[in-house]
Amino acid sequence: MENQTQNLTQKKESNQNTALPVELTPQLSIISKMYLKIHSSYRNVVAICDADLIGKKFEEGKRQLDLRENFYKSDNILTEEQVIKLIQKQIEEDATFNIVGQKATEAAIASGLLTEKDVDKIQNIPFALTLL
């Protein structure tokens, strides 16, 4: 049972991607889960994306969502509850947020970061950009 969960901690370093401590459960269904990756610089940029959208590109007119692995994909797949907790922590840190996907935007709304009116869509894929 102890091997089923692990604690992940990484020291925050300037200009490097970091992860916050989160208890993770392996063997999660990728369809309902998300990635959350924090890009650190003078202000954290939090990239959150539904796991099943990683690597895809969506275009509508002049607007585009290019969901590149190097920006969105982290080492672990997270549940909605884990993402909500991390969003709330990053709100306190005055971070900016780049959120893509149904589950990711729902988690951001549940955390209090967004309202439904803050969410837009490209090819029916919900997304939001937030600067606090």
N, C-alpha and C. Protein backbone atom coordinates (compact mmCIF):
# COMPACT_ATOMS: atom_id res chain seq x y z
N MET A 1 0.81 -1.19 0.00
CA MET A 1 0.00 0.00 0.00
C MET A 1 0.86 1.26 0.00
N GLU A 2 1.98 1.22 0.72
CA GLU A 2 2.86 2.38 0.78
C GLU A 2 3.42 2.73 -0.59
N ASN A 3 3.60 1.71 -1.44
CA ASN A 3 4.16 1.96 -2.77
C ASN A 3 3.14 2.55 -3.73
N GLN A 4 1.86 2.57 -3.35
CA GLN A 4 0.82 3.09 -4.24
C GLN A 4 0.80 4.60 -4.28
N THR A 5 1.32 5.24 -3.25
CA THR A 5 1.37 6.69 -3.26
C THR A 5 2.79 7.15 -3.02
N GLN A 6 3.09 8.32 -3.51
CA GLN A 6 4.43 8.88 -3.31
C GLN A 6 4.31 10.38 -3.12
N ASN A 7 5.21 10.94 -2.37
CA ASN A 7 5.24 12.38 -2.21
C ASN A 7 6.31 12.93 -3.12
N LEU A 8 5.94 13.99 -3.83
CA LEU A 8 6.86 14.58 -4.79
C LEU A 8 7.20 15.97 -4.29
N THR A 9 8.45 16.24 -4.05
CA THR A 9 8.85 17.59 -3.69
C THR A 9 10.07 17.97 -4.49
N GLN A 10 10.04 19.16 -4.97
CA GLN A 10 11.20 19.69 -5.67
C GLN A 10 11.41 21.10 -5.18
N LYS A 11 12.65 21.45 -4.99
CA LYS A 11 12.99 22.79 -4.53
C LYS A 11 12.78 23.77 -5.67
N LYS A 12 12.12 24.86 -5.37
CA LYS A 12 11.85 25.88 -6.37
C LYS A 12 13.15 26.62 -6.70
N GLU A 13 13.51 26.61 -7.97
CA GLU A 13 14.70 27.31 -8.42
C GLU A 13 14.31 28.30 -9.50
N SER A 14 14.95 29.41 -9.51
CA SER A 14 14.66 30.45 -10.47
C SER A 14 14.89 29.97 -11.89
N ASN A 15 13.94 30.31 -12.79
CA ASN A 15 13.99 29.98 -14.22
C ASN A 15 13.97 28.49 -14.52
N GLN A 16 13.47 27.66 -13.61
CA GLN A 16 13.33 26.24 -13.87
C GLN A 16 11.91 25.81 -13.55
N ASN A 17 11.46 24.72 -14.16
CA ASN A 17 10.14 24.18 -13.88
C ASN A 17 10.17 23.53 -12.52
N THR A 18 9.09 23.71 -11.76
CA THR A 18 9.03 23.12 -10.44
C THR A 18 7.70 22.45 -10.23
N ALA A 19 7.67 21.55 -9.26
CA ALA A 19 6.43 20.90 -8.85
C ALA A 19 6.28 21.13 -7.36
N LEU A 20 5.04 21.22 -6.92
CA LEU A 20 4.78 21.39 -5.50
C LEU A 20 4.52 20.02 -4.89
N PRO A 21 4.68 19.90 -3.55
CA PRO A 21 4.40 18.61 -2.92
C PRO A 21 2.95 18.21 -3.14
N VAL A 22 2.74 17.03 -3.65
CA VAL A 22 1.40 16.51 -3.89
C VAL A 22 1.45 15.01 -3.68
N GLU A 23 0.45 14.47 -3.03
CA GLU A 23 0.37 13.02 -2.90
C GLU A 23 -0.24 12.49 -4.20
N LEU A 24 0.46 11.58 -4.86
CA LEU A 24 0.04 11.09 -6.17
C LEU A 24 -0.35 9.62 -6.11
N THR A 25 -1.34 9.28 -6.90
CA THR A 25 -1.78 7.91 -7.00
C THR A 25 -1.52 7.40 -8.40
N PRO A 26 -0.70 6.34 -8.56
CA PRO A 26 -0.46 5.81 -9.90
C PRO A 26 -1.69 5.11 -10.45
N GLN A 27 -1.67 4.78 -11.71
CA GLN A 27 -2.73 4.03 -12.39
C GLN A 27 -4.03 4.82 -12.49
N LEU A 28 -3.95 6.12 -12.73
CA LEU A 28 -5.14 6.93 -12.91
C LEU A 28 -5.56 6.90 -14.36
N SER A 29 -6.85 6.98 -14.62
CA SER A 29 -7.35 7.05 -15.98
C SER A 29 -6.96 8.39 -16.60
N ILE A 30 -6.25 8.37 -17.71
CA ILE A 30 -5.75 9.59 -18.34
C ILE A 30 -6.88 10.48 -18.85
N ILE A 31 -8.03 9.92 -19.17
CA ILE A 31 -9.12 10.70 -19.75
C ILE A 31 -9.66 11.74 -18.78
N SER A 32 -9.73 11.44 -17.50
CA SER A 32 -10.31 12.38 -16.55
C SER A 32 -9.25 13.11 -15.73
N LYS A 33 -8.00 13.02 -16.09
CA LYS A 33 -6.93 13.61 -15.29
C LYS A 33 -6.23 14.74 -16.04
N MET A 34 -5.39 15.44 -15.29
CA MET A 34 -4.74 16.64 -15.83
C MET A 34 -3.26 16.66 -15.49
N TYR A 35 -2.56 17.47 -16.26
CA TYR A 35 -1.18 17.80 -15.95
C TYR A 35 -1.16 19.24 -15.44
N LEU A 36 -0.30 19.51 -14.48
CA LEU A 36 -0.06 20.86 -14.00
C LEU A 36 1.44 21.04 -13.93
N LYS A 37 1.93 22.04 -14.61
CA LYS A 37 3.37 22.31 -14.65
C LYS A 37 3.59 23.77 -14.30
N ILE A 38 4.55 24.03 -13.42
CA ILE A 38 4.85 25.39 -13.02
C ILE A 38 6.18 25.82 -13.62
N HIS A 39 6.12 26.89 -14.41
CA HIS A 39 7.31 27.48 -15.00
C HIS A 39 7.67 28.68 -14.11
N SER A 40 8.85 28.62 -13.51
CA SER A 40 9.25 29.67 -12.57
C SER A 40 10.15 30.71 -13.22
N SER A 41 9.83 31.94 -12.95
CA SER A 41 10.69 33.07 -13.31
C SER A 41 10.37 34.16 -12.30
N TYR A 42 10.34 35.42 -12.70
CA TYR A 42 10.01 36.46 -11.72
C TYR A 42 8.58 36.27 -11.20
N ARG A 43 7.75 35.59 -11.99
CA ARG A 43 6.38 35.26 -11.61
C ARG A 43 6.07 33.86 -12.14
N ASN A 44 5.49 33.01 -11.31
CA ASN A 44 5.17 31.65 -11.76
C ASN A 44 4.13 31.68 -12.88
N VAL A 45 4.34 30.85 -13.89
CA VAL A 45 3.35 30.60 -14.93
C VAL A 45 2.89 29.17 -14.73
N VAL A 46 1.61 29.01 -14.43
CA VAL A 46 1.04 27.70 -14.15
C VAL A 46 0.31 27.21 -15.40
N ALA A 47 0.78 26.11 -15.98
CA ALA A 47 0.17 25.52 -17.17
C ALA A 47 -0.62 24.29 -16.74
N ILE A 48 -1.92 24.28 -17.03
CA ILE A 48 -2.79 23.17 -16.65
C ILE A 48 -3.52 22.70 -17.90
N CYS A 49 -3.50 21.39 -18.14
CA CYS A 49 -4.11 20.86 -19.35
C CYS A 49 -4.67 19.46 -19.09
N ASP A 50 -5.83 19.17 -19.67
CA ASP A 50 -6.36 17.81 -19.63
C ASP A 50 -5.34 16.87 -20.27
N ALA A 51 -5.09 15.76 -19.62
CA ALA A 51 -4.05 14.83 -20.07
C ALA A 51 -4.28 14.31 -21.49
N ASP A 52 -5.54 14.12 -21.87
CA ASP A 52 -5.82 13.56 -23.20
C ASP A 52 -5.65 14.58 -24.34
N LEU A 53 -5.37 15.84 -24.01
CA LEU A 53 -5.19 16.87 -25.04
C LEU A 53 -3.72 17.17 -25.35
N ILE A 54 -2.82 16.69 -24.51
CA ILE A 54 -1.39 16.98 -24.67
C ILE A 54 -0.92 16.55 -26.06
N GLY A 55 -0.17 17.44 -26.72
CA GLY A 55 0.39 17.13 -28.03
C GLY A 55 -0.52 17.47 -29.19
N LYS A 56 -1.73 17.95 -28.92
CA LYS A 56 -2.68 18.26 -29.99
C LYS A 56 -2.67 19.76 -30.30
N LYS A 57 -3.18 20.09 -31.49
CA LYS A 57 -3.24 21.48 -31.93
C LYS A 57 -4.66 21.76 -32.44
N PHE A 58 -5.22 22.89 -32.02
CA PHE A 58 -6.57 23.28 -32.41
C PHE A 58 -6.52 24.69 -32.98
N GLU A 59 -7.21 24.90 -34.11
CA GLU A 59 -7.21 26.21 -34.76
C GLU A 59 -8.64 26.60 -35.11
N GLU A 60 -8.89 27.91 -34.98
CA GLU A 60 -10.20 28.45 -35.34
C GLU A 60 -9.97 29.90 -35.77
N GLY A 61 -10.02 30.15 -37.05
CA GLY A 61 -9.71 31.49 -37.55
C GLY A 61 -8.25 31.82 -37.26
N LYS A 62 -8.02 32.97 -36.61
CA LYS A 62 -6.67 33.39 -36.27
C LYS A 62 -6.22 32.87 -34.91
N ARG A 63 -7.13 32.21 -34.20
CA ARG A 63 -6.80 31.71 -32.86
C ARG A 63 -6.32 30.27 -32.91
N GLN A 64 -5.40 29.93 -32.00
CA GLN A 64 -4.78 28.61 -32.02
C GLN A 64 -4.43 28.16 -30.60
N LEU A 65 -4.65 26.89 -30.33
CA LEU A 65 -4.16 26.25 -29.12
C LEU A 65 -3.17 25.18 -29.56
N ASP A 66 -1.92 25.33 -29.20
CA ASP A 66 -0.87 24.36 -29.52
C ASP A 66 -0.40 23.78 -28.19
N LEU A 67 -0.87 22.61 -27.85
CA LEU A 67 -0.68 22.04 -26.52
C LEU A 67 0.58 21.17 -26.48
N ARG A 68 1.69 21.83 -26.51
CA ARG A 68 3.00 21.17 -26.56
C ARG A 68 3.36 20.53 -25.23
N GLU A 69 3.93 19.34 -25.34
CA GLU A 69 4.35 18.59 -24.15
C GLU A 69 5.32 19.38 -23.29
N ASN A 70 6.27 20.08 -23.92
CA ASN A 70 7.30 20.77 -23.13
C ASN A 70 6.73 21.91 -22.30
N PHE A 71 5.55 22.41 -22.62
CA PHE A 71 4.95 23.47 -21.84
C PHE A 71 3.95 22.93 -20.81
N TYR A 72 3.14 21.96 -21.18
CA TYR A 72 2.05 21.50 -20.33
C TYR A 72 2.33 20.22 -19.54
N LYS A 73 3.12 19.32 -20.10
CA LYS A 73 3.24 17.99 -19.49
C LYS A 73 4.26 17.99 -18.34
N SER A 74 3.81 17.50 -17.21
CA SER A 74 4.67 17.33 -16.04
C SER A 74 4.93 15.84 -15.85
N ASP A 75 5.63 15.50 -14.81
CA ASP A 75 5.97 14.09 -14.56
C ASP A 75 4.81 13.25 -14.05
N ASN A 76 3.77 13.92 -13.55
CA ASN A 76 2.67 13.18 -12.93
C ASN A 76 1.31 13.65 -13.40
N ILE A 77 0.39 12.71 -13.49
CA ILE A 77 -1.00 13.01 -13.81
C ILE A 77 -1.71 13.27 -12.48
N LEU A 78 -2.48 14.36 -12.42
CA LEU A 78 -3.13 14.75 -11.18
C LEU A 78 -4.64 14.63 -11.27
N THR A 79 -5.28 14.46 -10.11
CA THR A 79 -6.74 14.44 -10.04
C THR A 79 -7.26 15.86 -9.94
N GLU A 80 -8.54 16.04 -10.10
CA GLU A 80 -9.15 17.37 -9.99
C GLU A 80 -8.90 17.96 -8.60
N GLU A 81 -9.04 17.17 -7.58
CA GLU A 81 -8.82 17.64 -6.20
C GLU A 81 -7.39 18.15 -6.01
N GLN A 82 -6.41 17.43 -6.54
CA GLN A 82 -5.01 17.85 -6.43
C GLN A 82 -4.78 19.16 -7.18
N VAL A 83 -5.36 19.28 -8.37
CA VAL A 83 -5.20 20.50 -9.17
C VAL A 83 -5.84 21.69 -8.46
N ILE A 84 -7.01 21.51 -7.88
CA ILE A 84 -7.68 22.60 -7.16
C ILE A 84 -6.79 23.11 -6.03
N LYS A 85 -6.21 22.21 -5.26
CA LYS A 85 -5.34 22.60 -4.15
C LYS A 85 -4.11 23.37 -4.65
N LEU A 86 -3.51 22.90 -5.73
CA LEU A 86 -2.33 23.58 -6.28
C LEU A 86 -2.68 24.95 -6.87
N ILE A 87 -3.84 25.06 -7.51
CA ILE A 87 -4.27 26.35 -8.03
C ILE A 87 -4.43 27.34 -6.87
N GLN A 88 -5.10 26.92 -5.81
CA GLN A 88 -5.32 27.80 -4.67
C GLN A 88 -3.99 28.25 -4.06
N LYS A 89 -3.01 27.37 -4.00
CA LYS A 89 -1.69 27.74 -3.49
C LYS A 89 -1.03 28.76 -4.41
N GLN A 90 -1.14 28.55 -5.71
CA GLN A 90 -0.51 29.46 -6.67
C GLN A 90 -1.22 30.81 -6.76
N ILE A 91 -2.50 30.85 -6.45
CA ILE A 91 -3.21 32.14 -6.38
C ILE A 91 -2.54 33.01 -5.32
N GLU A 92 -2.19 32.40 -4.20
CA GLU A 92 -1.52 33.12 -3.11
C GLU A 92 -0.14 33.63 -3.54
N GLU A 93 0.48 32.95 -4.51
CA GLU A 93 1.82 33.32 -4.99
C GLU A 93 1.77 34.34 -6.11
N ASP A 94 0.56 34.81 -6.48
CA ASP A 94 0.40 35.81 -7.53
C ASP A 94 0.87 35.29 -8.89
N ALA A 95 0.50 34.06 -9.20
CA ALA A 95 0.92 33.42 -10.45
C ALA A 95 0.01 33.83 -11.61
N THR A 96 0.46 33.50 -12.83
CA THR A 96 -0.39 33.61 -14.01
C THR A 96 -0.77 32.18 -14.40
N PHE A 97 -1.89 32.02 -15.08
CA PHE A 97 -2.40 30.70 -15.38
C PHE A 97 -2.75 30.57 -16.85
N ASN A 98 -2.39 29.42 -17.43
CA ASN A 98 -2.73 29.04 -18.79
C ASN A 98 -3.44 27.69 -18.65
N ILE A 99 -4.76 27.66 -18.88
CA ILE A 99 -5.59 26.50 -18.56
C ILE A 99 -6.32 26.04 -19.81
N VAL A 100 -6.22 24.74 -20.13
CA VAL A 100 -6.86 24.21 -21.33
C VAL A 100 -7.52 22.87 -21.03
N GLY A 101 -8.76 22.72 -21.49
CA GLY A 101 -9.48 21.46 -21.39
C GLY A 101 -10.68 21.56 -20.45
N GLN A 102 -11.62 20.66 -20.64
CA GLN A 102 -12.85 20.65 -19.85
C GLN A 102 -12.57 20.44 -18.36
N LYS A 103 -11.81 19.40 -18.04
CA LYS A 103 -11.50 19.10 -16.63
C LYS A 103 -10.67 20.22 -16.01
N ALA A 104 -9.69 20.73 -16.74
CA ALA A 104 -8.81 21.78 -16.22
C ALA A 104 -9.59 23.06 -15.93
N THR A 105 -10.47 23.47 -16.84
CA THR A 105 -11.24 24.68 -16.61
C THR A 105 -12.26 24.47 -15.48
N GLU A 106 -12.83 23.28 -15.38
CA GLU A 106 -13.75 22.98 -14.27
C GLU A 106 -13.02 23.06 -12.93
N ALA A 107 -11.80 22.56 -12.87
CA ALA A 107 -11.00 22.63 -11.65
C ALA A 107 -10.69 24.08 -11.29
N ALA A 108 -10.38 24.90 -12.30
CA ALA A 108 -10.08 26.31 -12.06
C ALA A 108 -11.31 27.06 -11.55
N ILE A 109 -12.48 26.71 -12.06
CA ILE A 109 -13.73 27.31 -11.59
C ILE A 109 -13.99 26.87 -10.15
N ALA A 110 -13.82 25.58 -9.88
CA ALA A 110 -14.04 25.04 -8.53
C ALA A 110 -13.07 25.66 -7.51
N SER A 111 -11.88 26.02 -7.95
CA SER A 111 -10.88 26.61 -7.04
C SER A 111 -11.17 28.08 -6.73
N GLY A 112 -12.04 28.69 -7.52
CA GLY A 112 -12.34 30.10 -7.34
C GLY A 112 -11.50 31.01 -8.23
N LEU A 113 -10.62 30.45 -9.03
CA LEU A 113 -9.77 31.24 -9.92
C LEU A 113 -10.57 31.85 -11.07
N LEU A 114 -11.48 31.07 -11.65
CA LEU A 114 -12.25 31.49 -12.81
C LEU A 114 -13.75 31.42 -12.54
N THR A 115 -14.50 32.11 -13.40
CA THR A 115 -15.94 31.90 -13.48
C THR A 115 -16.20 31.37 -14.89
N GLU A 116 -17.38 30.89 -15.15
CA GLU A 116 -17.69 30.35 -16.48
C GLU A 116 -17.52 31.41 -17.57
N LYS A 117 -17.76 32.68 -17.26
CA LYS A 117 -17.63 33.73 -18.28
C LYS A 117 -16.17 33.99 -18.65
N ASP A 118 -15.22 33.52 -17.84
CA ASP A 118 -13.79 33.69 -18.13
C ASP A 118 -13.27 32.66 -19.13
N VAL A 119 -14.07 31.65 -19.42
CA VAL A 119 -13.64 30.54 -20.27
C VAL A 119 -14.11 30.77 -21.71
N ASP A 120 -13.18 30.63 -22.65
CA ASP A 120 -13.48 30.74 -24.08
C ASP A 120 -13.27 29.36 -24.71
N LYS A 121 -13.58 29.21 -25.99
CA LYS A 121 -13.38 27.93 -26.67
C LYS A 121 -12.79 28.12 -28.05
N ILE A 122 -11.94 27.17 -28.42
CA ILE A 122 -11.43 27.04 -29.78
C ILE A 122 -11.70 25.61 -30.18
N GLN A 123 -12.42 25.42 -31.27
CA GLN A 123 -12.85 24.09 -31.72
C GLN A 123 -13.48 23.30 -30.57
N ASN A 124 -14.31 23.97 -29.80
CA ASN A 124 -15.03 23.37 -28.68
C ASN A 124 -14.13 22.94 -27.52
N ILE A 125 -12.87 23.36 -27.52
CA ILE A 125 -11.94 23.07 -26.42
C ILE A 125 -11.90 24.30 -25.52
N PRO A 126 -12.36 24.17 -24.26
CA PRO A 126 -12.35 25.32 -23.36
C PRO A 126 -10.93 25.68 -22.90
N PHE A 127 -10.70 27.01 -22.75
CA PHE A 127 -9.40 27.48 -22.28
C PHE A 127 -9.58 28.82 -21.59
N ALA A 128 -8.59 29.17 -20.79
CA ALA A 128 -8.59 30.48 -20.13
C ALA A 128 -7.14 30.89 -19.85
N LEU A 129 -6.87 32.18 -19.97
CA LEU A 129 -5.59 32.77 -19.62
C LEU A 129 -5.87 33.78 -18.52
N THR A 130 -5.16 33.68 -17.42
CA THR A 130 -5.43 34.56 -16.29
C THR A 130 -4.15 35.15 -15.73
N LEU A 131 -4.16 36.44 -15.58
CA LEU A 131 -3.05 37.17 -14.96
C LEU A 131 -3.62 37.83 -13.73
N LEU A 132 -3.14 37.44 -12.56
CA LEU A 132 -3.65 38.01 -11.30
C LEU A 132 -2.91 39.28 -10.96
